[in-house]
Amino acid sequence: MCHGIKFVAYLLPSPGLLTKRMHMLNLRKPALIFAVIGLVLFFLGLYMLTMDPKNGYVIMYIGLGIGVIYWIWSVIDVLATSDLKPFQKKFWLIIVLIIPAFGGLIYHVMHQRRKKIVT
């Protein structure tokens, strides 16, 4: 009988696991993953310019294109969100417009879930 209770206790998630899940919510966003892929490709292309300029330029421009698409996606995401107050929306729009790729990245990292945003 005691063994069954211990088995059920092993099936329950630990408190540390729940907080880890809450911090990992923003990794499930496709926009954030898209931004990371674009940044990695851009910097990989810059690195490859020293060894193979032709392929380095191609990879760098692919990363730059992904960054531009992500920047537009971030602006639309800030404008379309309904859980921000007007001053918060203006703040994030200014950040995303002034710092194109990194502003959107900061927005998506800090805007983890609805009704909770850090400004």
Protein backbone atom coordinates (compact mmCIF):
# COMPACT_ATOMS: atom_id res chain seq x y z
CA MET A 1 0.00 0.00 0.00
CA CYS A 2 2.85 2.41 0.77
CA HIS A 3 4.47 1.70 -2.55
CA GLY A 4 1.42 2.99 -4.44
CA ILE A 5 1.55 6.33 -2.63
CA LYS A 6 5.24 6.77 -3.40
CA PHE A 7 4.59 5.93 -7.05
CA VAL A 8 1.92 8.66 -7.29
CA ALA A 9 4.31 11.14 -5.65
CA TYR A 10 6.87 10.42 -8.39
CA LEU A 11 4.29 11.20 -11.08
CA LEU A 12 3.57 14.68 -9.70
CA PRO A 13 5.79 17.45 -11.08
CA SER A 14 8.21 19.02 -8.65
CA PRO A 15 7.89 22.76 -7.83
CA GLY A 16 11.19 23.46 -9.57
CA LEU A 17 9.87 21.86 -12.74
CA LEU A 18 6.79 24.10 -12.72
CA THR A 19 8.87 27.28 -12.49
CA LYS A 20 11.14 25.96 -15.24
CA ARG A 21 8.07 25.43 -17.43
CA MET A 22 6.92 28.98 -16.78
CA HIS A 23 10.31 30.37 -17.82
CA MET A 24 10.35 28.20 -20.93
CA LEU A 25 6.99 29.50 -22.22
CA ASN A 26 8.64 32.03 -24.51
CA LEU A 27 10.69 29.32 -26.23
CA ARG A 28 7.49 27.90 -27.71
CA LYS A 29 6.81 31.10 -29.63
CA PRO A 30 7.56 30.71 -33.33
CA ALA A 31 8.55 34.37 -33.65
CA LEU A 32 11.29 34.01 -31.05
CA ILE A 33 12.65 30.86 -32.67
CA PHE A 34 12.52 32.60 -36.06
CA ALA A 35 14.58 35.50 -34.66
CA VAL A 36 17.22 33.22 -33.18
CA ILE A 37 17.56 31.34 -36.49
CA GLY A 38 17.91 34.65 -38.36
CA LEU A 39 20.57 35.95 -35.98
CA VAL A 40 22.53 32.70 -36.08
CA LEU A 41 22.48 32.64 -39.88
CA PHE A 42 23.51 36.29 -40.11
CA PHE A 43 26.49 35.90 -37.77
CA LEU A 44 27.43 32.57 -39.35
CA GLY A 45 27.48 34.33 -42.73
CA LEU A 46 29.68 37.08 -41.31
CA TYR A 47 32.08 34.46 -39.98
CA MET A 48 32.09 32.59 -43.28
CA LEU A 49 33.07 35.75 -45.19
CA THR A 50 36.65 35.20 -44.06
CA MET A 51 36.85 31.64 -45.44
CA ASP A 52 34.42 31.52 -48.35
CA PRO A 53 33.10 34.96 -49.39
CA LYS A 54 30.55 33.73 -51.95
CA ASN A 55 28.72 31.38 -49.58
CA GLY A 56 29.25 33.77 -46.68
CA TYR A 57 27.37 36.51 -48.48
CA VAL A 58 24.52 34.13 -49.35
CA ILE A 59 24.09 32.94 -45.76
CA MET A 60 24.48 36.48 -44.39
CA TYR A 61 21.77 37.81 -46.73
CA ILE A 62 19.45 34.91 -45.88
CA GLY A 63 19.89 35.76 -42.19
CA LEU A 64 19.33 39.44 -42.94
CA GLY A 65 16.14 38.60 -44.87
CA ILE A 66 14.86 36.49 -42.00
CA GLY A 67 15.69 39.40 -39.66
CA VAL A 68 13.66 41.85 -41.76
CA ILE A 69 10.70 39.46 -41.86
CA TYR A 70 11.00 39.00 -38.09
CA TRP A 71 11.13 42.77 -37.58
CA ILE A 72 7.91 43.26 -39.55
CA TRP A 73 6.36 40.33 -37.65
CA SER A 74 7.32 41.98 -34.32
CA VAL A 75 5.79 45.33 -35.30
CA ILE A 76 2.55 43.60 -36.32
CA ASP A 77 2.59 41.52 -33.12
CA VAL A 78 2.95 44.63 -30.95
CA LEU A 79 0.17 46.44 -32.83
CA ALA A 80 -2.18 43.44 -32.79
CA THR A 81 -1.82 42.49 -29.13
CA SER A 82 -4.85 43.30 -27.02
CA ASP A 83 -3.42 42.72 -23.55
CA LEU A 84 -1.26 45.87 -23.47
CA LYS A 85 -2.31 49.25 -22.20
CA PRO A 86 -1.95 52.09 -24.74
CA PHE A 87 1.22 53.50 -23.14
CA GLN A 88 2.77 50.00 -23.02
CA LYS A 89 1.95 49.46 -26.67
CA LYS A 90 3.57 52.77 -27.61
CA PHE A 91 6.63 51.94 -25.51
CA TRP A 92 7.13 48.54 -27.15
CA LEU A 93 6.44 49.92 -30.61
CA ILE A 94 9.16 52.54 -30.14
CA ILE A 95 11.61 49.91 -28.87
CA VAL A 96 10.85 47.54 -31.77
CA LEU A 97 11.13 50.31 -34.38
CA ILE A 98 14.34 51.89 -33.01
CA ILE A 99 16.24 48.62 -32.44
CA PRO A 100 14.95 46.48 -35.36
CA ALA A 101 15.92 42.86 -34.67
CA PHE A 102 16.94 43.09 -31.03
CA GLY A 103 13.90 45.20 -30.02
CA GLY A 104 11.54 42.51 -31.23
CA LEU A 105 13.66 39.88 -29.52
CA ILE A 106 13.49 41.79 -26.23
CA TYR A 107 9.72 42.18 -26.63
CA HIS A 108 9.15 38.48 -27.23
CA VAL A 109 11.37 37.44 -24.34
CA MET A 110 9.75 39.84 -21.86
CA HIS A 111 6.18 39.30 -23.06
CA GLN A 112 5.85 35.75 -21.81
CA ARG A 113 2.12 35.34 -21.42
CA ARG A 114 -1.06 37.33 -21.45
CA LYS A 115 -1.81 39.69 -18.58
CA LYS A 116 1.86 39.71 -17.54
CA ILE A 117 4.39 41.96 -19.17
CA VAL A 118 7.41 43.77 -17.92
CA THR A 119 7.82 47.40 -19.01
